Amino acid sequence: EQKYRARVVKAESQRDNGRTVYVLRLLDDSGKVWTVHVDAA
């Protein structure tokens, strides 16, 4: 949220090649929606 100056509207955890990854959907003030992945480790 700080990096992209947007709100997270959906968050889930997934496993990717044995690693935990947080998949976050963002919404900014202009209405743009996109997804980012954060490596939990």
PDB file of all heavy atoms in Angstrom:
ATOM      1  N   GLU A   1       0.828  -1.211   0.000  1.00  0.00           N
ATOM      2  CA  GLU A   1       0.000   0.000   0.000  1.00  0.00           C
ATOM      3  C   GLU A   1       0.860   1.257   0.000  1.00  0.00           C
ATOM      4  O   GLU A   1       0.553   2.227  -0.698  1.00  0.00           O
ATOM      5  CB  GLU A   1      -0.949  -0.001   1.201  1.00  0.00           C
ATOM      6  CG  GLU A   1      -2.108  -0.945   1.037  1.00  0.00           C
ATOM      7  CD  GLU A   1      -3.083  -0.925   2.203  1.00  0.00           C
ATOM      8  OE1 GLU A   1      -2.685  -0.573   3.343  1.00  0.00           O
ATOM      9  OE2 GLU A   1      -4.246  -1.269   1.968  1.00  0.00           O
ATOM     10  N   GLN A   2       1.948   1.249   0.749  1.00  0.00           N
ATOM     11  CA  GLN A   2       2.838   2.406   0.777  1.00  0.00           C
ATOM     12  C   GLN A   2       3.599   2.551  -0.533  1.00  0.00           C
ATOM     13  O   GLN A   2       3.735   3.648  -1.066  1.00  0.00           O
ATOM     14  CB  GLN A   2       3.816   2.302   1.942  1.00  0.00           C
ATOM     15  CG  GLN A   2       3.153   2.485   3.285  1.00  0.00           C
ATOM     16  CD  GLN A   2       4.105   2.257   4.449  1.00  0.00           C
ATOM     17  OE1 GLN A   2       5.278   1.973   4.273  1.00  0.00           O
ATOM     18  NE2 GLN A   2       3.572   2.372   5.658  1.00  0.00           N
ATOM     19  N   LYS A   3       4.093   1.449  -1.071  1.00  0.00           N
ATOM     20  CA  LYS A   3       4.893   1.487  -2.289  1.00  0.00           C
ATOM     21  C   LYS A   3       4.094   1.990  -3.483  1.00  0.00           C
ATOM     22  O   LYS A   3       4.577   2.799  -4.272  1.00  0.00           O
ATOM     23  CB  LYS A   3       5.457   0.093  -2.593  1.00  0.00           C
ATOM     24  CG  LYS A   3       6.275   0.035  -3.862  1.00  0.00           C
ATOM     25  CD  LYS A   3       6.921  -1.322  -4.060  1.00  0.00           C
ATOM     26  CE  LYS A   3       7.769  -1.286  -5.318  1.00  0.00           C
ATOM     27  NZ  LYS A   3       8.678  -2.409  -5.400  1.00  0.00           N
ATOM     28  N   TYR A   4       2.851   1.516  -3.619  1.00  0.00           N
ATOM     29  CA  TYR A   4       2.050   1.848  -4.796  1.00  0.00           C
ATOM     30  C   TYR A   4       0.992   2.913  -4.532  1.00  0.00           C
ATOM     31  O   TYR A   4       0.275   3.299  -5.452  1.00  0.00           O
ATOM     32  CB  TYR A   4       1.382   0.582  -5.343  1.00  0.00           C
ATOM     33  CG  TYR A   4       2.378  -0.395  -5.890  1.00  0.00           C
ATOM     34  CD1 TYR A   4       2.711  -1.542  -5.173  1.00  0.00           C
ATOM     35  CD2 TYR A   4       3.008  -0.175  -7.114  1.00  0.00           C
ATOM     36  CE1 TYR A   4       3.639  -2.450  -5.676  1.00  0.00           C
ATOM     37  CE2 TYR A   4       3.936  -1.070  -7.613  1.00  0.00           C
ATOM     38  CZ  TYR A   4       4.242  -2.209  -6.887  1.00  0.00           C
ATOM     39  OH  TYR A   4       5.165  -3.103  -7.379  1.00  0.00           O
ATOM     40  N   ARG A   5       0.876   3.383  -3.304  1.00  0.00           N
ATOM     41  CA  ARG A   5      -0.129   4.376  -2.926  1.00  0.00           C
ATOM     42  C   ARG A   5      -1.513   3.942  -3.427  1.00  0.00           C
ATOM     43  O   ARG A   5      -2.205   4.674  -4.131  1.00  0.00           O
ATOM     44  CB  ARG A   5       0.236   5.757  -3.458  1.00  0.00           C
ATOM     45  CG  ARG A   5       1.479   6.291  -2.808  1.00  0.00           C
ATOM     46  CD  ARG A   5       1.714   7.738  -3.099  1.00  0.00           C
ATOM     47  NE  ARG A   5       2.830   8.189  -2.297  1.00  0.00           N
ATOM     48  CZ  ARG A   5       3.865   8.834  -2.778  1.00  0.00           C
ATOM     49  NH1 ARG A   5       3.919   9.117  -4.057  1.00  0.00           N
ATOM     50  NH2 ARG A   5       4.838   9.204  -1.983  1.00  0.00           N
ATOM     51  N   ALA A   6      -1.862   2.714  -3.044  1.00  0.00           N
ATOM     52  CA  ALA A   6      -3.134   2.114  -3.432  1.00  0.00           C
ATOM     53  C   ALA A   6      -3.623   1.267  -2.274  1.00  0.00           C
ATOM     54  O   ALA A   6      -2.879   0.996  -1.339  1.00  0.00           O
ATOM     55  CB  ALA A   6      -2.948   1.265  -4.689  1.00  0.00           C
ATOM     56  N   ARG A   7      -4.891   0.849  -2.348  1.00  0.00           N
ATOM     57  CA  ARG A   7      -5.478   0.017  -1.307  1.00  0.00           C
ATOM     58  C   ARG A   7      -5.498  -1.435  -1.753  1.00  0.00           C
ATOM     59  O   ARG A   7      -5.811  -1.728  -2.899  1.00  0.00           O
ATOM     60  CB  ARG A   7      -6.917   0.449  -1.017  1.00  0.00           C
ATOM     61  CG  ARG A   7      -7.002   1.781  -0.313  1.00  0.00           C
ATOM     62  CD  ARG A   7      -8.431   2.173  -0.023  1.00  0.00           C
ATOM     63  NE  ARG A   7      -9.122   2.384  -1.302  1.00  0.00           N
ATOM     64  CZ  ARG A   7     -10.361   1.998  -1.553  1.00  0.00           C
ATOM     65  NH1 ARG A   7     -11.066   1.386  -0.632  1.00  0.00           N
ATOM     66  NH2 ARG A   7     -10.909   2.230  -2.722  1.00  0.00           N
ATOM     67  N   VAL A   8      -5.189  -2.331  -0.844  1.00  0.00           N
ATOM     68  CA  VAL A   8      -5.312  -3.755  -1.120  1.00  0.00           C
ATOM     69  C   VAL A   8      -6.781  -4.115  -0.911  1.00  0.00           C
ATOM     70  O   VAL A   8      -7.333  -3.884   0.158  1.00  0.00           O
ATOM     71  CB  VAL A   8      -4.396  -4.590  -0.203  1.00  0.00           C
ATOM     72  CG1 VAL A   8      -4.683  -6.069  -0.359  1.00  0.00           C
ATOM     73  CG2 VAL A   8      -2.936  -4.287  -0.505  1.00  0.00           C
ATOM     74  N   VAL A   9      -7.408  -4.681  -1.949  1.00  0.00           N
ATOM     75  CA  VAL A   9      -8.817  -5.040  -1.874  1.00  0.00           C
ATOM     76  C   VAL A   9      -9.022  -6.551  -1.785  1.00  0.00           C
ATOM     77  O   VAL A   9     -10.116  -7.011  -1.504  1.00  0.00           O
ATOM     78  CB  VAL A   9      -9.618  -4.454  -3.060  1.00  0.00           C
ATOM     79  CG1 VAL A   9      -9.635  -2.935  -2.991  1.00  0.00           C
ATOM     80  CG2 VAL A   9      -9.061  -4.930  -4.385  1.00  0.00           C
ATOM     81  N   LYS A  10      -7.970  -7.316  -2.047  1.00  0.00           N
ATOM     82  CA  LYS A  10      -8.042  -8.773  -1.911  1.00  0.00           C
ATOM     83  C   LYS A  10      -6.642  -9.273  -1.578  1.00  0.00           C
ATOM     84  O   LYS A  10      -5.664  -8.805  -2.161  1.00  0.00           O
ATOM     85  CB  LYS A  10      -8.537  -9.414  -3.199  1.00  0.00           C
ATOM     86  CG  LYS A  10      -8.689 -10.920  -3.104  1.00  0.00           C
ATOM     87  CD  LYS A  10      -9.260 -11.512  -4.375  1.00  0.00           C
ATOM     88  CE  LYS A  10      -9.381 -13.013  -4.234  1.00  0.00           C
ATOM     89  NZ  LYS A  10      -9.838 -13.627  -5.473  1.00  0.00           N
ATOM     90  N   ALA A  11      -6.571 -10.233  -0.663  1.00  0.00           N
ATOM     91  CA  ALA A  11      -5.274 -10.790  -0.265  1.00  0.00           C
ATOM     92  C   ALA A  11      -5.434 -12.284  -0.030  1.00  0.00           C
ATOM     93  O   ALA A  11      -6.403 -12.711   0.588  1.00  0.00           O
ATOM     94  CB  ALA A  11      -4.779 -10.109   1.009  1.00  0.00           C
ATOM     95  N   GLU A  12      -4.486 -13.059  -0.550  1.00  0.00           N
ATOM     96  CA  GLU A  12      -4.490 -14.495  -0.304  1.00  0.00           C
ATOM     97  C   GLU A  12      -3.064 -15.017  -0.310  1.00  0.00           C
ATOM     98  O   GLU A  12      -2.170 -14.391  -0.857  1.00  0.00           O
ATOM     99  CB  GLU A  12      -5.343 -15.246  -1.320  1.00  0.00           C
ATOM    100  CG  GLU A  12      -4.852 -15.158  -2.738  1.00  0.00           C
ATOM    101  CD  GLU A  12      -5.788 -15.845  -3.727  1.00  0.00           C
ATOM    102  OE1 GLU A  12      -6.958 -16.098  -3.379  1.00  0.00           O
ATOM    103  OE2 GLU A  12      -5.347 -16.137  -4.836  1.00  0.00           O
ATOM    104  N   SER A  13      -2.875 -16.165   0.336  1.00  0.00           N
ATOM    105  CA  SER A  13      -1.584 -16.840   0.363  1.00  0.00           C
ATOM    106  C   SER A  13      -1.617 -17.993  -0.614  1.00  0.00           C
ATOM    107  O   SER A  13      -2.626 -18.684  -0.729  1.00  0.00           O
ATOM    108  CB  SER A  13      -1.294 -17.397   1.761  1.00  0.00           C
ATOM    109  OG  SER A  13      -1.218 -16.364   2.694  1.00  0.00           O
ATOM    110  N   GLN A  14      -0.497 -18.201  -1.306  1.00  0.00           N
ATOM    111  CA  GLN A  14      -0.367 -19.331  -2.218  1.00  0.00           C
ATOM    112  C   GLN A  14       1.020 -19.927  -2.056  1.00  0.00           C
ATOM    113  O   GLN A  14       1.929 -19.268  -1.547  1.00  0.00           O
ATOM    114  CB  GLN A  14      -0.550 -18.890  -3.672  1.00  0.00           C
ATOM    115  CG  GLN A  14      -1.921 -18.400  -4.005  1.00  0.00           C
ATOM    116  CD  GLN A  14      -2.046 -17.993  -5.466  1.00  0.00           C
ATOM    117  OE1 GLN A  14      -1.067 -17.948  -6.213  1.00  0.00           O
ATOM    118  NE2 GLN A  14      -3.259 -17.691  -5.877  1.00  0.00           N
ATOM    119  N   ARG A  15       1.168 -21.161  -2.505  1.00  0.00           N
ATOM    120  CA  ARG A  15       2.485 -21.800  -2.547  1.00  0.00           C
ATOM    121  C   ARG A  15       2.967 -21.749  -3.989  1.00  0.00           C
ATOM    122  O   ARG A  15       2.214 -22.051  -4.907  1.00  0.00           O
ATOM    123  CB  ARG A  15       2.409 -23.247  -2.073  1.00  0.00           C
ATOM    124  CG  ARG A  15       2.029 -23.412  -0.615  1.00  0.00           C
ATOM    125  CD  ARG A  15       3.025 -22.866   0.348  1.00  0.00           C
ATOM    126  NE  ARG A  15       4.163 -23.759   0.483  1.00  0.00           N
ATOM    127  CZ  ARG A  15       5.174 -23.532   1.288  1.00  0.00           C
ATOM    128  NH1 ARG A  15       5.205 -22.453   2.023  1.00  0.00           N
ATOM    129  NH2 ARG A  15       6.163 -24.370   1.358  1.00  0.00           N
ATOM    130  N   ASP A  16       4.212 -21.352  -4.181  1.00  0.00           N
ATOM    131  CA  ASP A  16       4.815 -21.277  -5.504  1.00  0.00           C
ATOM    132  C   ASP A  16       6.204 -21.905  -5.408  1.00  0.00           C
ATOM    133  O   ASP A  16       7.101 -21.333  -4.790  1.00  0.00           O
ATOM    134  CB  ASP A  16       4.907 -19.816  -5.963  1.00  0.00           C
ATOM    135  CG  ASP A  16       5.441 -19.666  -7.366  1.00  0.00           C
ATOM    136  OD1 ASP A  16       5.411 -20.644  -8.137  1.00  0.00           O
ATOM    137  OD2 ASP A  16       5.890 -18.551  -7.702  1.00  0.00           O
ATOM    138  N   ASN A  17       6.358 -23.089  -5.982  1.00  0.00           N
ATOM    139  CA  ASN A  17       7.625 -23.826  -5.922  1.00  0.00           C
ATOM    140  C   ASN A  17       8.113 -23.993  -4.487  1.00  0.00           C
ATOM    141  O   ASN A  17       9.287 -23.793  -4.182  1.00  0.00           O
ATOM    142  CB  ASN A  17       8.696 -23.135  -6.769  1.00  0.00           C
ATOM    143  CG  ASN A  17       8.373 -23.181  -8.240  1.00  0.00           C
ATOM    144  OD1 ASN A  17       7.825 -24.165  -8.726  1.00  0.00           O
ATOM    145  ND2 ASN A  17       8.685 -22.115  -8.954  1.00  0.00           N
ATOM    146  N   GLY A  18       7.175 -24.320  -3.581  1.00  0.00           N
ATOM    147  CA  GLY A  18       7.538 -24.577  -2.192  1.00  0.00           C
ATOM    148  C   GLY A  18       7.685 -23.339  -1.327  1.00  0.00           C
ATOM    149  O   GLY A  18       8.018 -23.445  -0.153  1.00  0.00           O
ATOM    150  N   ARG A  19       7.461 -22.172  -1.891  1.00  0.00           N
ATOM    151  CA  ARG A  19       7.585 -20.928  -1.133  1.00  0.00           C
ATOM    152  C   ARG A  19       6.215 -20.303  -0.961  1.00  0.00           C
ATOM    153  O   ARG A  19       5.357 -20.415  -1.824  1.00  0.00           O
ATOM    154  CB  ARG A  19       8.502 -19.942  -1.858  1.00  0.00           C
ATOM    155  CG  ARG A  19       9.931 -20.461  -2.015  1.00  0.00           C
ATOM    156  CD  ARG A  19      10.776 -19.494  -2.804  1.00  0.00           C
ATOM    157  NE  ARG A  19      10.983 -18.251  -2.093  1.00  0.00           N
ATOM    158  CZ  ARG A  19      12.047 -17.979  -1.348  1.00  0.00           C
ATOM    159  NH1 ARG A  19      12.997 -18.885  -1.209  1.00  0.00           N
ATOM    160  NH2 ARG A  19      12.173 -16.825  -0.745  1.00  0.00           N
ATOM    161  N   THR A  20       6.019 -19.598   0.154  1.00  0.00           N
ATOM    162  CA  THR A  20       4.769 -18.876   0.374  1.00  0.00           C
ATOM    163  C   THR A  20       4.840 -17.532  -0.328  1.00  0.00           C
ATOM    164  O   THR A  20       5.823 -16.800  -0.203  1.00  0.00           O
ATOM    165  CB  THR A  20       4.521 -18.653   1.873  1.00  0.00           C
ATOM    166  OG1 THR A  20       4.472 -19.925   2.516  1.00  0.00           O
ATOM    167  CG2 THR A  20       3.224 -17.908   2.119  1.00  0.00           C
ATOM    168  N   VAL A  21       3.789 -17.239  -1.075  1.00  0.00           N
ATOM    169  CA  VAL A  21       3.687 -15.971  -1.799  1.00  0.00           C
ATOM    170  C   VAL A  21       2.340 -15.353  -1.455  1.00  0.00           C
ATOM    171  O   VAL A  21       1.309 -16.035  -1.494  1.00  0.00           O
ATOM    172  CB  VAL A  21       3.786 -16.184  -3.325  1.00  0.00           C
ATOM    173  CG1 VAL A  21       3.585 -14.881  -4.070  1.00  0.00           C
ATOM    174  CG2 VAL A  21       5.115 -16.816  -3.686  1.00  0.00           C
ATOM    175  N   TYR A  22       2.339 -14.073  -1.095  1.00  0.00           N
ATOM    176  CA  TYR A  22       1.099 -13.346  -0.862  1.00  0.00           C
ATOM    177  C   TYR A  22       0.693 -12.707  -2.181  1.00  0.00           C
ATOM    178  O   TYR A  22       1.472 -11.973  -2.795  1.00  0.00           O
ATOM    179  CB  TYR A  22       1.279 -12.273   0.208  1.00  0.00           C
ATOM    180  CG  TYR A  22       1.756 -12.812   1.535  1.00  0.00           C
ATOM    181  CD1 TYR A  22       2.878 -12.281   2.154  1.00  0.00           C
ATOM    182  CD2 TYR A  22       1.077 -13.851   2.175  1.00  0.00           C
ATOM    183  CE1 TYR A  22       3.315 -12.774   3.379  1.00  0.00           C
ATOM    184  CE2 TYR A  22       1.513 -14.352   3.388  1.00  0.00           C
ATOM    185  CZ  TYR A  22       2.630 -13.799   3.983  1.00  0.00           C
ATOM    186  OH  TYR A  22       3.065 -14.292   5.191  1.00  0.00           O
ATOM    187  N   VAL A  23      -0.514 -12.985  -2.613  1.00  0.00           N
ATOM    188  CA  VAL A  23      -1.048 -12.419  -3.848  1.00  0.00           C
ATOM    189  C   VAL A  23      -2.030 -11.332  -3.434  1.00  0.00           C
ATOM    190  O   VAL A  23      -3.043 -11.610  -2.785  1.00  0.00           O
ATOM    191  CB  VAL A  23      -1.734 -13.490  -4.713  1.00  0.00           C
ATOM    192  CG1 VAL A  23      -2.267 -12.880  -5.998  1.00  0.00           C
ATOM    193  CG2 VAL A  23      -0.765 -14.627  -5.013  1.00  0.00           C
ATOM    194  N   LEU A  24      -1.711 -10.087  -3.792  1.00  0.00           N
ATOM    195  CA  LEU A  24      -2.482  -8.935  -3.346  1.00  0.00           C
ATOM    196  C   LEU A  24      -3.050  -8.183  -4.548  1.00  0.00           C
ATOM    197  O   LEU A  24      -2.318  -7.849  -5.478  1.00  0.00           O
ATOM    198  CB  LEU A  24      -1.601  -7.991  -2.529  1.00  0.00           C
ATOM    199  CG  LEU A  24      -0.826  -8.631  -1.374  1.00  0.00           C
ATOM    200  CD1 LEU A  24       0.116  -7.630  -0.751  1.00  0.00           C
ATOM    201  CD2 LEU A  24      -1.767  -9.189  -0.343  1.00  0.00           C
ATOM    202  N   ARG A  25      -4.360  -7.926  -4.518  1.00  0.00           N
ATOM    203  CA  ARG A  25      -4.996  -7.133  -5.566  1.00  0.00           C
ATOM    204  C   ARG A  25      -5.144  -5.717  -5.046  1.00  0.00           C
ATOM    205  O   ARG A  25      -5.613  -5.495  -3.938  1.00  0.00           O
ATOM    206  CB  ARG A  25      -6.363  -7.710  -5.926  1.00  0.00           C
ATOM    207  CG  ARG A  25      -7.015  -6.884  -7.024  1.00  0.00           C
ATOM    208  CD  ARG A  25      -7.971  -7.613  -7.885  1.00  0.00           C
ATOM    209  NE  ARG A  25      -7.354  -8.798  -8.456  1.00  0.00           N
ATOM    210  CZ  ARG A  25      -8.038  -9.869  -8.791  1.00  0.00           C
ATOM    211  NH1 ARG A  25      -9.324  -9.921  -8.615  1.00  0.00           N
ATOM    212  NH2 ARG A  25      -7.431 -10.904  -9.316  1.00  0.00           N
ATOM    213  N   LEU A  26      -4.722  -4.735  -5.870  1.00  0.00           N
ATOM    214  CA  LEU A  26      -4.700  -3.333  -5.471  1.00  0.00           C
ATOM    215  C   LEU A  26      -5.686  -2.506  -6.280  1.00  0.00           C
ATOM    216  O   LEU A  26      -5.967  -2.828  -7.440  1.00  0.00           O
ATOM    217  CB  LEU A  26      -3.297  -2.755  -5.684  1.00  0.00           C
ATOM    218  CG  LEU A  26      -2.228  -3.370  -4.807  1.00  0.00           C
ATOM    219  CD1 LEU A  26      -1.006  -3.695  -5.594  1.00  0.00           C
ATOM    220  CD2 LEU A  26      -1.928  -2.432  -3.677  1.00  0.00           C
ATOM    221  N   LEU A  27      -6.158  -1.424  -5.674  1.00  0.00           N
ATOM    222  CA  LEU A  27      -7.036  -0.458  -6.324  1.00  0.00           C
ATOM    223  C   LEU A  27      -6.519   0.927  -5.974  1.00  0.00           C
ATOM    224  O   LEU A  27      -6.364   1.257  -4.800  1.00  0.00           O
ATOM    225  CB  LEU A  27      -8.480  -0.625  -5.821  1.00  0.00           C
ATOM    226  CG  LEU A  27      -9.484   0.442  -6.238  1.00  0.00           C
ATOM    227  CD1 LEU A  27      -9.754   0.370  -7.740  1.00  0.00           C
ATOM    228  CD2 LEU A  27     -10.783   0.274  -5.451  1.00  0.00           C
ATOM    229  N   ASP A  28      -6.247   1.754  -7.004  1.00  0.00           N
ATOM    230  CA  ASP A  28      -5.780   3.113  -6.723  1.00  0.00           C
ATOM    231  C   ASP A  28      -6.925   4.111  -6.882  1.00  0.00           C
ATOM    232  O   ASP A  28      -8.041   3.741  -7.268  1.00  0.00           O
ATOM    233  CB  ASP A  28      -4.548   3.490  -7.558  1.00  0.00           C
ATOM    234  CG  ASP A  28      -4.822   3.649  -9.038  1.00  0.00           C
ATOM    235  OD1 ASP A  28      -5.998   3.678  -9.451  1.00  0.00           O
ATOM    236  OD2 ASP A  28      -3.845   3.751  -9.803  1.00  0.00           O
ATOM    237  N   ASP A  29      -6.651   5.383  -6.584  1.00  0.00           N
ATOM    238  CA  ASP A  29      -7.685   6.417  -6.607  1.00  0.00           C
ATOM    239  C   ASP A  29      -8.272   6.648  -7.993  1.00  0.00           C
ATOM    240  O   ASP A  29      -9.404   7.100  -8.123  1.00  0.00           O
ATOM    241  CB  ASP A  29      -7.131   7.735  -6.060  1.00  0.00           C
ATOM    242  CG  ASP A  29      -6.882   7.670  -4.556  1.00  0.00           C
ATOM    243  OD1 ASP A  29      -7.505   6.815  -3.890  1.00  0.00           O
ATOM    244  OD2 ASP A  29      -6.070   8.466  -4.058  1.00  0.00           O
ATOM    245  N   SER A  30      -7.524   6.316  -9.040  1.00  0.00           N
ATOM    246  CA  SER A  30      -8.029   6.507 -10.401  1.00  0.00           C
ATOM    247  C   SER A  30      -8.881   5.334 -10.871  1.00  0.00           C
ATOM    248  O   SER A  30      -9.437   5.364 -11.964  1.00  0.00           O
ATOM    249  CB  SER A  30      -6.862   6.723 -11.381  1.00  0.00           C
ATOM    250  OG  SER A  30      -6.121   5.524 -11.539  1.00  0.00           O
ATOM    251  N   GLY A  31      -8.964   4.279 -10.042  1.00  0.00           N
ATOM    252  CA  GLY A  31      -9.767   3.114 -10.397  1.00  0.00           C
ATOM    253  C   GLY A  31      -8.980   1.978 -11.023  1.00  0.00           C
ATOM    254  O   GLY A  31      -9.542   0.947 -11.375  1.00  0.00           O
ATOM    255  N   LYS A  32      -7.672   2.140 -11.163  1.00  0.00           N
ATOM    256  CA  LYS A  32      -6.835   1.083 -11.740  1.00  0.00           C
ATOM    257  C   LYS A  32      -6.733  -0.074 -10.752  1.00  0.00           C
ATOM    258  O   LYS A  32      -6.514   0.129  -9.556  1.00  0.00           O
ATOM    259  CB  LYS A  32      -5.444   1.633 -12.037  1.00  0.00           C
ATOM    260  CG  LYS A  32      -4.489   0.592 -12.590  1.00  0.00           C
ATOM    261  CD  LYS A  32      -3.104   1.180 -12.818  1.00  0.00           C
ATOM    262  CE  LYS A  32      -2.136   0.083 -13.202  1.00  0.00           C
ATOM    263  NZ  LYS A  32      -0.763   0.566 -13.276  1.00  0.00           N
ATOM    264  N   VAL A  33      -6.886  -1.297 -11.262  1.00  0.00           N
ATOM    265  CA  VAL A  33      -6.779  -2.512 -10.448  1.00  0.00           C
ATOM    266  C   VAL A  33      -5.658  -3.366 -11.020  1.00  0.00           C
ATOM    267  O   VAL A  33      -5.566  -3.550 -12.233  1.00  0.00           O
ATOM    268  CB  VAL A  33      -8.101  -3.318 -10.471  1.00  0.00           C
ATOM    269  CG1 VAL A  33      -7.956  -4.617  -9.694  1.00  0.00           C
ATOM    270  CG2 VAL A  33      -9.247  -2.480  -9.922  1.00  0.00           C
ATOM    271  N   TRP A  34      -4.791  -3.877 -10.151  1.00  0.00           N
ATOM    272  CA  TRP A  34      -3.729  -4.775 -10.592  1.00  0.00           C
ATOM    273  C   TRP A  34      -3.325  -5.676  -9.449  1.00  0.00           C
ATOM    274  O   TRP A  34      -3.736  -5.484  -8.315  1.00  0.00           O
ATOM    275  CB  TRP A  34      -2.538  -4.003 -11.156  1.00  0.00           C
ATOM    276  CG  TRP A  34      -1.720  -3.235 -10.162  1.00  0.00           C
ATOM    277  CD1 TRP A  34      -0.513  -3.606  -9.644  1.00  0.00           C
ATOM    278  CD2 TRP A  34      -2.020  -1.965  -9.580  1.00  0.00           C
ATOM    279  NE1 TRP A  34      -0.062  -2.648  -8.765  1.00  0.00           N
ATOM    280  CE2 TRP A  34      -0.960  -1.638  -8.713  1.00  0.00           C
ATOM    281  CE3 TRP A  34      -3.080  -1.079  -9.688  1.00  0.00           C
ATOM    282  CZ2 TRP A  34      -0.941  -0.460  -7.977  1.00  0.00           C
ATOM    283  CZ3 TRP A  34      -3.057   0.085  -8.958  1.00  0.00           C
ATOM    284  CH2 TRP A  34      -1.994   0.381  -8.110  1.00  0.00           C
ATOM    285  N   THR A  35      -2.540  -6.688  -9.774  1.00  0.00           N
ATOM    286  CA  THR A  35      -2.128  -7.698  -8.796  1.00  0.00           C
ATOM    287  C   THR A  35      -0.616  -7.689  -8.643  1.00  0.00           C
ATOM    288  O   THR A  35       0.103  -7.559  -9.626  1.00  0.00           O
ATOM    289  CB  THR A  35      -2.593  -9.101  -9.255  1.00  0.00           C
ATOM    290  OG1 THR A  35      -4.017  -9.070  -9.412  1.00  0.00           O
ATOM    291  CG2 THR A  35      -2.218 -10.164  -8.250  1.00  0.00           C
ATOM    292  N   VAL A  36      -0.156  -7.822  -7.405  1.00  0.00           N
ATOM    293  CA  VAL A  36       1.272  -7.973  -7.129  1.00  0.00           C
ATOM    294  C   VAL A  36       1.468  -9.220  -6.275  1.00  0.00           C
ATOM    295  O   VAL A  36       0.547  -9.688  -5.611  1.00  0.00           O
ATOM    296  CB  VAL A  36       1.881  -6.744  -6.420  1.00  0.00           C
ATOM    297  CG1 VAL A  36       1.789  -5.508  -7.284  1.00  0.00           C
ATOM    298  CG2 VAL A  36       1.239  -6.499  -5.083  1.00  0.00           C
ATOM    299  N   HIS A  37       2.681  -9.752  -6.316  1.00  0.00           N
ATOM    300  CA  HIS A  37       3.054 -10.934  -5.542  1.00  0.00           C
ATOM    301  C   HIS A  37       4.175 -10.536  -4.597  1.00  0.00           C
ATOM    302  O   HIS A  37       5.130  -9.888  -5.015  1.00  0.00           O
ATOM    303  CB  HIS A  37       3.529 -12.049  -6.473  1.00  0.00           C
ATOM    304  CG  HIS A  37       2.472 -12.509  -7.423  1.00  0.00           C
ATOM    305  ND1 HIS A  37       2.192 -11.845  -8.599  1.00  0.00           N
ATOM    306  CD2 HIS A  37       1.620 -13.545  -7.367  1.00  0.00           C
ATOM    307  CE1 HIS A  37       1.214 -12.472  -9.220  1.00  0.00           C
ATOM    308  NE2 HIS A  37       0.848 -13.507  -8.497  1.00  0.00           N
ATOM    309  N   VAL A  38       4.056 -10.938  -3.345  1.00  0.00           N
ATOM    310  CA  VAL A  38       5.077 -10.643  -2.337  1.00  0.00           C
ATOM    311  C   VAL A  38       5.605 -11.966  -1.808  1.00  0.00           C
ATOM    312  O   VAL A  38       4.841 -12.789  -1.296  1.00  0.00           O
ATOM    313  CB  VAL A  38       4.511  -9.796  -1.178  1.00  0.00           C
ATOM    314  CG1 VAL A  38       5.601  -9.508  -0.154  1.00  0.00           C
ATOM    315  CG2 VAL A  38       3.896  -8.511  -1.697  1.00  0.00           C
ATOM    316  N   ASP A  39       6.912 -12.177  -1.940  1.00  0.00           N
ATOM    317  CA  ASP A  39       7.546 -13.382  -1.402  1.00  0.00           C
ATOM    318  C   ASP A  39       7.577 -13.245   0.117  1.00  0.00           C
ATOM    319  O   ASP A  39       8.138 -12.291   0.650  1.00  0.00           O
ATOM    320  CB  ASP A  39       8.958 -13.505  -1.967  1.00  0.00           C
ATOM    321  CG  ASP A  39       9.630 -14.790  -1.534  1.00  0.00           C
ATOM    322  OD1 ASP A  39       9.960 -14.907  -0.328  1.00  0.00           O
ATOM    323  OD2 ASP A  39       9.825 -15.674  -2.382  1.00  0.00           O
ATOM    324  N   ALA A  40       6.974 -14.203   0.821  1.00  0.00           N
ATOM    325  CA  ALA A  40       6.859 -14.119   2.279  1.00  0.00           C
ATOM    326  C   ALA A  40       8.204 -14.256   2.977  1.00  0.00           C
ATOM    327  O   ALA A  40       8.383 -13.754   4.072  1.00  0.00           O
ATOM    328  CB  ALA A  40       5.897 -15.183   2.794  1.00  0.00           C
ATOM    329  N   ALA A  41       9.150 -14.940   2.350  1.00  0.00           N
ATOM    330  CA  ALA A  41      10.460 -15.143   2.980  1.00  0.00           C
ATOM    331  C   ALA A  41      11.368 -13.931   2.826  1.00  0.00           C
ATOM    332  O   ALA A  41      12.079 -13.570   3.754  1.00  0.00           O
ATOM    333  CB  ALA A  41      11.138 -16.378   2.380  1.00  0.00           C
TER     334      ALA A  41
END
